[in-house]
Amino acid sequence: MIRRGFTARRLLPAVAGLGALALTVGGAQGSSSVSPTGRIEVRAPREFSGIGWLTTTGSGGEAQEVFLVCHDTRDNDAERDLPRLSIVRTPVSPDGIMVKELDVAFPSVPNDLESIARVPNRNEALLVESNADGDDPDPTIYLARWDDELNFTIAGSVPWPETPEPLVNVEASAVATVHGRNYFVYAERAQGSDTTRINMTRLTITESGEITFGKKWTSIPFTAANPPGARPATGLDIDAKGNIYVSSAYDPGDLGPFDSAVYRAATIRPGGAIGARLRPVMPPQQLARSSGLKVEGVGLVAGSLPIFISDDDEDYGGLLRQLRVTEPVNKPDKHRPSAETGHAAGPADD
């Protein structure tokens, strides 16, 4: 794989020919090249299908949040040699986000990585293949590890475990820790329905990189009221208090128009047959509405607010944004939909 580093660049003056610029949604640019006419053509970053927070660098106004993102690259002739992972840093200037595609050696060629499940309090994350509507005969979950310099290795891999419902296409996964035990949480994309199920089982990761899932699962339904016609679960993350955040996205095709919402959908609490239980938020608390964007990743910073989203806007490219939460975290549940991208009511403790 070829490692490439991208940073956003300022637009050229109008006299340079705006028609030669391929602008991204939100204004951040990716790679650039010189056209036969000598004009610079700017390309959007590749789509961001999943997101996981890594670290915060710098301080004060120059602080940056650093995320690992995955790309839903397929194992086919056209895409086999493309990178699967990138590091994305939040902006510190008008130049925008900084994207660095990674050259990481996998034990097999990943096919349609759609989500990243960061393991709390460890420099580890599960990189989760979706199953691509059943097109992948052996969907795999990889274990990524990194050091303080953000050098990445794949420490292990395992086939998807036996699941409580048929494995079709998973774009939402996360790991939670309850009383020192880890739990794997996922939800089917559930194309064609407004309802999916959030599923949870025990997870064990050894120092040698062996990944083991529990045999018992617990599940609850989640219904996305908005946007109409959306896939109910396209991204998922869990905060340190057990709040489960889910994105839902409407996708009519490579050119959109897209539409998305982010919810506080459920909570995880100690108890039950596997040592932790799921409790639905009723009704689900809509935190943000993102018209025009296809949110496929939800990422919390160090297990708490703020919330960031990653977008897979298909032919428009990738996008990273922070959501706006305008009310106290400990405010009681309210069902308060918003018409603006990122305008939110705050999550609550149960």
Protein backbone atom coordinates (compact mmCIF):
# COMPACT_ATOMS: atom_id res chain seq x y z
CA MET A 1 0.00 0.00 0.00
CA ILE A 2 1.10 3.56 -0.66
CA ARG A 3 1.19 5.97 2.25
CA ARG A 4 -0.09 9.42 1.37
CA GLY A 5 -0.43 12.52 3.53
CA PHE A 6 -3.14 15.06 2.82
CA THR A 7 -3.79 18.50 4.24
CA ALA A 8 -6.50 20.94 3.34
CA ARG A 9 -5.37 23.86 1.19
CA ARG A 10 -6.69 27.39 0.75
CA LEU A 11 -8.65 28.07 -2.42
CA LEU A 12 -6.93 29.86 -5.27
CA PRO A 13 -8.02 33.38 -6.22
CA ALA A 14 -11.00 33.56 -8.55
CA VAL A 15 -8.75 34.44 -11.47
CA ALA A 16 -7.22 30.96 -11.19
CA GLY A 17 -10.48 29.45 -12.37
CA LEU A 18 -12.93 28.18 -9.77
CA GLY A 19 -14.30 25.73 -12.31
CA ALA A 20 -11.08 23.75 -11.97
CA LEU A 21 -11.60 23.11 -8.26
CA ALA A 22 -13.41 20.02 -6.99
CA LEU A 23 -14.66 21.30 -3.63
CA THR A 24 -15.66 19.09 -0.73
CA VAL A 25 -18.72 19.36 1.45
CA GLY A 26 -17.72 21.83 4.16
CA GLY A 27 -14.69 23.21 2.35
CA ALA A 28 -11.85 20.86 3.35
CA GLN A 29 -9.69 19.62 0.52
CA GLY A 30 -7.66 16.46 0.16
CA SER A 31 -5.02 15.65 -2.46
CA SER A 32 -4.24 18.00 -5.30
CA SER A 33 -2.82 17.69 -8.80
CA VAL A 34 -1.99 19.96 -11.72
CA SER A 35 -4.31 19.75 -14.71
CA PRO A 36 -3.06 19.92 -18.35
CA THR A 37 -3.93 23.64 -18.28
CA GLY A 38 -1.60 24.20 -15.32
CA ARG A 39 -4.41 24.84 -12.85
CA ILE A 40 -4.53 23.10 -9.47
CA GLU A 41 -7.35 20.60 -9.07
CA VAL A 42 -8.24 19.73 -5.47
CA ARG A 43 -9.84 16.41 -4.53
CA ALA A 44 -11.90 15.62 -1.46
CA PRO A 45 -10.60 13.18 1.17
CA ARG A 46 -11.82 9.63 0.66
CA GLU A 47 -14.99 8.56 2.44
CA PHE A 48 -14.85 8.09 6.23
CA SER A 49 -16.92 5.02 7.10
CA GLY A 50 -15.99 4.56 10.76
CA ILE A 51 -14.27 6.61 13.44
CA GLY A 52 -12.40 6.05 16.69
CA TRP A 53 -10.77 8.67 18.90
CA LEU A 54 -7.04 8.19 19.51
CA THR A 55 -5.61 11.13 21.46
CA THR A 56 -5.52 14.89 21.99
CA THR A 57 -2.36 16.73 21.00
CA GLY A 58 -1.26 20.30 21.68
CA SER A 59 -2.98 22.61 24.14
CA GLY A 60 -5.26 25.63 24.33
CA GLY A 61 -6.41 27.02 21.01
CA GLU A 62 -3.92 24.81 19.15
CA ALA A 63 -5.20 21.51 20.60
CA GLN A 64 -6.12 18.85 18.07
CA GLU A 65 -8.29 15.79 18.42
CA VAL A 66 -6.81 12.84 16.55
CA PHE A 67 -9.03 10.09 15.14
CA LEU A 68 -8.53 6.81 13.35
CA VAL A 69 -10.96 6.38 10.46
CA CYS A 70 -11.62 3.39 8.25
CA HIS A 71 -12.56 3.34 4.58
CA ASP A 72 -15.11 0.89 3.19
CA THR A 73 -12.67 -0.32 0.53
CA ARG A 74 -13.59 -3.62 -1.11
CA ASP A 75 -11.42 -6.61 -1.88
CA ASN A 76 -11.71 -6.36 -5.66
CA ASP A 77 -9.42 -5.51 -8.57
CA ALA A 78 -10.27 -1.81 -8.48
CA GLU A 79 -9.77 -1.24 -4.74
CA ARG A 80 -7.60 -4.05 -3.37
CA ASP A 81 -4.43 -1.95 -3.07
CA LEU A 82 -6.07 1.15 -1.58
CA PRO A 83 -5.45 2.01 2.10
CA ARG A 84 -8.03 0.89 4.65
CA LEU A 85 -7.14 3.33 7.45
CA SER A 86 -6.29 7.00 7.90
CA ILE A 87 -5.44 9.34 10.75
CA VAL A 88 -7.54 12.52 10.72
CA ARG A 89 -6.72 15.57 12.84
CA THR A 90 -9.11 18.39 13.64
CA PRO A 91 -8.24 21.84 12.25
CA VAL A 92 -6.00 24.41 13.92
CA SER A 93 -6.16 26.89 11.01
CA PRO A 94 -8.26 27.71 7.94
CA ASP A 95 -6.35 24.96 6.14
CA GLY A 96 -8.92 22.51 7.57
CA ILE A 97 -8.63 18.88 8.61
CA MET A 98 -5.42 16.92 8.06
CA VAL A 99 -5.68 13.41 6.66
CA LYS A 100 -2.87 10.86 6.55
CA GLU A 101 -3.58 7.53 4.89
CA LEU A 102 -1.82 4.65 6.64
CA ASP A 103 0.11 1.73 5.26
CA VAL A 104 -0.80 -1.07 7.67
CA ALA A 105 -0.02 -4.75 7.09
CA PHE A 106 -3.10 -6.96 7.53
CA PRO A 107 -3.01 -10.77 7.72
CA SER A 108 -5.66 -10.83 4.96
CA VAL A 109 -7.10 -8.21 2.61
CA PRO A 110 -9.84 -6.35 4.51
CA ASN A 111 -13.16 -6.16 2.70
CA ASP A 112 -15.54 -3.31 3.56
CA LEU A 113 -14.32 -2.11 6.96
CA GLU A 114 -17.29 -0.06 8.19
CA SER A 115 -16.71 0.57 11.90
CA ILE A 116 -14.03 1.03 14.55
CA ALA A 117 -14.70 -0.11 18.12
CA ARG A 118 -12.16 1.54 20.45
CA VAL A 119 -11.40 -0.49 23.58
CA PRO A 120 -11.73 1.85 26.59
CA ASN A 121 -8.51 2.74 28.42
CA ARG A 122 -6.30 0.74 26.06
CA ASN A 123 -4.46 1.57 22.85
CA GLU A 124 -6.55 -0.99 21.01
CA ALA A 125 -9.51 -1.01 18.66
CA LEU A 126 -11.51 -3.59 16.76
CA LEU A 127 -11.69 -2.97 13.01
CA VAL A 128 -14.95 -4.53 11.91
CA GLU A 129 -15.84 -5.84 8.46
CA SER A 130 -19.51 -5.33 7.65
CA ASN A 131 -20.28 -8.57 5.75
CA ALA A 132 -21.28 -6.35 2.78
CA ASP A 133 -24.86 -7.64 2.38
CA GLY A 134 -23.61 -11.20 2.50
CA ASP A 135 -20.99 -10.74 -0.22
CA ASP A 136 -18.13 -11.61 2.16
CA PRO A 137 -17.93 -15.38 2.78
CA ASP A 138 -15.70 -14.96 5.84
CA PRO A 139 -16.19 -11.55 7.48
CA THR A 140 -13.38 -10.73 9.88
CA ILE A 141 -12.80 -8.55 12.93
CA TYR A 142 -9.21 -7.28 13.31
CA LEU A 143 -7.43 -6.04 16.43
CA ALA A 144 -5.39 -2.86 15.89
CA ARG A 145 -2.83 -1.61 18.41
CA TRP A 146 -0.75 1.56 18.42
CA ASP A 147 2.05 3.15 20.39
CA ASP A 148 2.52 6.72 21.62
CA GLU A 149 3.87 7.70 18.20
CA LEU A 150 0.70 6.35 16.55
CA ASN A 151 2.46 3.50 14.82
CA PHE A 152 -0.15 0.84 14.08
CA THR A 153 0.03 -2.94 13.96
CA ILE A 154 -2.62 -5.61 13.51
CA ALA A 155 -2.19 -7.77 16.61
CA GLY A 156 -4.89 -10.34 15.88
CA SER A 157 -7.96 -11.26 13.89
CA VAL A 158 -10.98 -13.48 14.28
CA PRO A 159 -14.03 -14.42 12.22
CA TRP A 160 -17.29 -12.82 13.24
CA PRO A 161 -18.83 -14.84 16.09
CA GLU A 162 -22.20 -16.53 15.85
CA THR A 163 -24.68 -13.67 16.20
CA PRO A 164 -28.21 -13.55 17.63
CA GLU A 165 -29.61 -12.61 14.20
CA PRO A 166 -28.36 -13.23 10.66
CA LEU A 167 -25.25 -11.20 9.90
CA VAL A 168 -26.12 -9.01 6.89
CA ASN A 169 -24.44 -5.60 6.95
CA VAL A 170 -23.02 -4.07 10.12
CA GLU A 171 -21.89 -0.44 10.10
CA ALA A 172 -22.19 0.22 13.85
CA SER A 173 -20.01 -1.31 16.59
CA ALA A 174 -18.37 -0.31 19.87
CA VAL A 175 -16.78 -1.72 23.02
CA ALA A 176 -17.95 -0.87 26.54
CA THR A 177 -16.33 -1.63 29.88
CA VAL A 178 -18.53 -2.49 32.87
CA HIS A 179 -16.94 -3.30 36.22
CA GLY A 180 -13.63 -4.10 34.50
CA ARG A 181 -15.17 -6.43 31.89
CA ASN A 182 -15.33 -5.62 28.19
CA TYR A 183 -18.44 -6.00 26.06
CA PHE A 184 -18.84 -5.96 22.29
CA VAL A 185 -21.87 -4.04 21.03
CA TYR A 186 -23.13 -3.91 17.46
CA ALA A 187 -26.24 -3.16 15.42
CA GLU A 188 -27.24 -4.18 11.91
CA ARG A 189 -27.62 -1.39 9.37
CA ALA A 190 -31.10 -2.82 8.68
CA GLN A 191 -31.58 -1.37 5.20
CA GLY A 192 -35.29 -1.03 4.40
CA SER A 193 -36.47 -0.83 8.01
CA ASP A 194 -36.64 1.95 10.59
CA THR A 195 -35.84 -0.53 13.37
CA THR A 196 -32.72 -2.50 14.21
CA ARG A 197 -31.52 -4.33 17.30
CA ILE A 198 -28.60 -3.34 19.53
CA ASN A 199 -26.79 -6.54 20.53
CA MET A 200 -24.19 -7.08 23.26
CA THR A 201 -21.95 -9.93 24.44
CA ARG A 202 -18.82 -10.45 26.53
CA LEU A 203 -15.45 -9.69 24.92
CA THR A 204 -11.99 -10.88 25.95
CA ILE A 205 -8.75 -9.69 24.36
CA THR A 206 -5.51 -11.28 25.51
CA GLU A 207 -2.04 -9.75 25.52
CA SER A 208 -1.14 -12.03 22.60
CA GLY A 209 -4.01 -10.57 20.54
CA GLU A 210 -6.50 -13.43 20.84
CA ILE A 211 -10.10 -12.21 20.59
CA THR A 212 -12.91 -14.19 22.20
CA PHE A 213 -16.63 -13.40 22.21
CA GLY A 214 -19.23 -14.65 24.65
CA LYS A 215 -21.83 -17.28 23.74
CA LYS A 216 -24.74 -15.39 25.29
CA TRP A 217 -26.15 -12.16 23.90
CA THR A 218 -28.56 -9.55 25.16
CA SER A 219 -30.51 -7.35 22.73
CA ILE A 220 -32.97 -4.45 22.58
CA PRO A 221 -34.73 -2.78 19.62
CA PHE A 222 -33.91 0.72 18.41
CA THR A 223 -36.19 2.67 16.07
CA ALA A 224 -35.01 5.80 14.26
CA ALA A 225 -37.84 8.28 13.81
CA ASN A 226 -35.66 10.46 11.56
CA PRO A 227 -34.69 10.83 8.84
CA PRO A 228 -37.51 9.14 6.90
CA GLY A 229 -36.32 6.07 5.05
CA ALA A 230 -33.00 5.95 6.91
CA ARG A 231 -30.82 2.99 7.76
CA PRO A 232 -31.37 3.01 11.53
CA ALA A 233 -27.77 2.20 12.57
CA THR A 234 -24.76 3.47 10.60
CA GLY A 235 -22.45 4.38 13.48
CA LEU A 236 -22.18 3.74 17.23
CA ASP A 237 -20.14 4.77 20.25
CA ILE A 238 -20.49 4.42 24.02
CA ASP A 239 -19.41 6.90 26.68
CA ALA A 240 -17.81 6.10 30.03
CA LYS A 241 -21.21 6.36 31.76
CA GLY A 242 -22.77 3.72 29.49
CA ASN A 243 -24.73 6.00 27.15
CA ILE A 244 -25.02 4.49 23.66
CA TYR A 245 -25.00 6.93 20.73
CA VAL A 246 -26.26 5.78 17.32
CA SER A 247 -26.29 7.50 13.94
CA SER A 248 -29.00 6.87 11.35
CA ALA A 249 -28.58 7.81 7.69
CA TYR A 250 -30.61 8.08 4.50
CA ASP A 251 -28.66 7.08 1.37
CA PRO A 252 -30.44 7.15 -2.03
CA GLY A 253 -27.23 6.76 -4.07
CA ASP A 254 -23.71 8.05 -4.71
CA LEU A 255 -24.86 11.64 -5.33
CA GLY A 256 -27.42 11.85 -2.51
CA PRO A 257 -29.20 13.85 -1.32
CA PHE A 258 -28.23 12.43 2.08
CA ASP A 259 -29.80 12.97 5.48
CA SER A 260 -28.78 11.84 8.98
CA ALA A 261 -29.58 12.02 12.67
CA VAL A 262 -27.67 11.10 15.85
CA TYR A 263 -29.43 9.67 18.90
CA ARG A 264 -28.78 8.71 22.48
CA ALA A 265 -30.44 5.37 21.96
CA ALA A 266 -29.78 3.24 25.05
CA THR A 267 -27.68 2.78 28.16
CA ILE A 268 -25.57 -0.06 29.55
CA ARG A 269 -25.84 -0.93 33.23
CA PRO A 270 -24.42 -3.72 35.43
CA GLY A 271 -26.55 -6.82 35.91
CA GLY A 272 -28.29 -9.44 33.81
CA ALA A 273 -27.20 -12.83 32.58
CA ILE A 274 -23.90 -11.65 31.09
CA GLY A 275 -22.96 -9.11 33.76
CA ALA A 276 -24.28 -6.09 31.87
CA ARG A 277 -27.70 -5.18 30.50
CA LEU A 278 -29.08 -2.85 27.86
CA ARG A 279 -31.77 -0.33 28.67
CA PRO A 280 -33.52 1.58 25.85
CA VAL A 281 -33.94 5.35 26.03
CA MET A 282 -37.66 5.90 25.46
CA PRO A 283 -38.18 7.69 23.23
CA PRO A 284 -34.68 7.82 21.74
CA GLN A 285 -33.15 11.24 22.34
CA GLN A 286 -32.34 12.89 19.02
CA LEU A 287 -29.17 14.93 19.47
CA ALA A 288 -28.61 16.28 15.97
CA ARG A 289 -29.99 16.31 12.44
CA SER A 290 -27.56 16.56 9.54
CA SER A 291 -29.42 17.24 6.30
CA GLY A 292 -27.22 16.75 3.25
CA LEU A 293 -24.71 14.51 5.06
CA LYS A 294 -24.45 10.72 5.42
CA VAL A 295 -23.13 10.09 8.94
CA GLU A 296 -21.47 6.68 9.22
CA GLY A 297 -19.32 7.15 12.30
CA VAL A 298 -19.85 8.48 15.82
CA GLY A 299 -16.80 9.18 17.98
CA LEU A 300 -16.52 10.44 21.56
CA VAL A 301 -13.39 12.11 22.93
CA ALA A 302 -11.87 10.05 25.77
CA GLY A 303 -15.21 8.41 26.47
CA SER A 304 -17.20 11.62 26.92
CA LEU A 305 -18.39 14.73 25.12
CA PRO A 306 -17.71 16.27 22.66
CA ILE A 307 -19.20 14.04 19.96
CA PHE A 308 -17.62 13.93 16.51
CA ILE A 309 -19.14 12.45 13.37
CA SER A 310 -17.48 11.04 10.28
CA ASP A 311 -19.26 11.07 6.94
CA ASP A 312 -19.19 8.73 3.96
CA ASP A 313 -20.74 11.06 1.41
CA GLU A 314 -19.88 8.70 -1.45
CA ASP A 315 -18.81 10.69 -4.53
CA TYR A 316 -18.58 13.87 -2.42
CA GLY A 317 -15.86 12.33 -0.24
CA GLY A 318 -15.26 12.24 3.51
CA LEU A 319 -15.97 14.75 6.25
CA LEU A 320 -15.24 15.14 9.99
CA ARG A 321 -17.31 17.46 12.19
CA GLN A 322 -18.00 18.09 15.88
CA LEU A 323 -21.65 18.08 16.97
CA ARG A 324 -23.02 20.91 19.07
CA VAL A 325 -24.46 19.90 22.45
CA THR A 326 -26.27 22.86 23.97
CA GLU A 327 -27.73 21.57 27.24
CA PRO A 328 -26.18 20.13 30.42
CA VAL A 329 -25.09 16.51 30.28
CA ASN A 330 -27.10 15.67 33.42
CA LYS A 331 -30.37 17.20 32.17
CA PRO A 332 -33.32 14.73 32.18
CA ASP A 333 -34.21 13.03 28.89
CA LYS A 334 -36.00 15.14 26.35
CA HIS A 335 -37.08 14.29 22.83
CA ARG A 336 -36.09 17.50 21.08
CA PRO A 337 -35.42 17.13 17.35
CA SER A 338 -33.52 19.92 15.66
CA ALA A 339 -33.51 21.15 12.09
CA GLU A 340 -29.84 22.15 12.09
CA THR A 341 -26.74 20.05 11.68
CA GLY A 342 -25.11 19.57 15.07
CA HIS A 343 -27.73 21.46 17.15
CA ALA A 344 -28.38 19.17 20.07
CA ALA A 345 -30.01 18.57 23.38
CA GLY A 346 -27.56 17.05 25.83
CA PRO A 347 -27.38 13.40 26.94
CA ALA A 348 -28.34 12.47 30.46
CA ASP A 349 -27.28 10.09 33.19
CA ASP A 350 -29.78 7.33 34.01
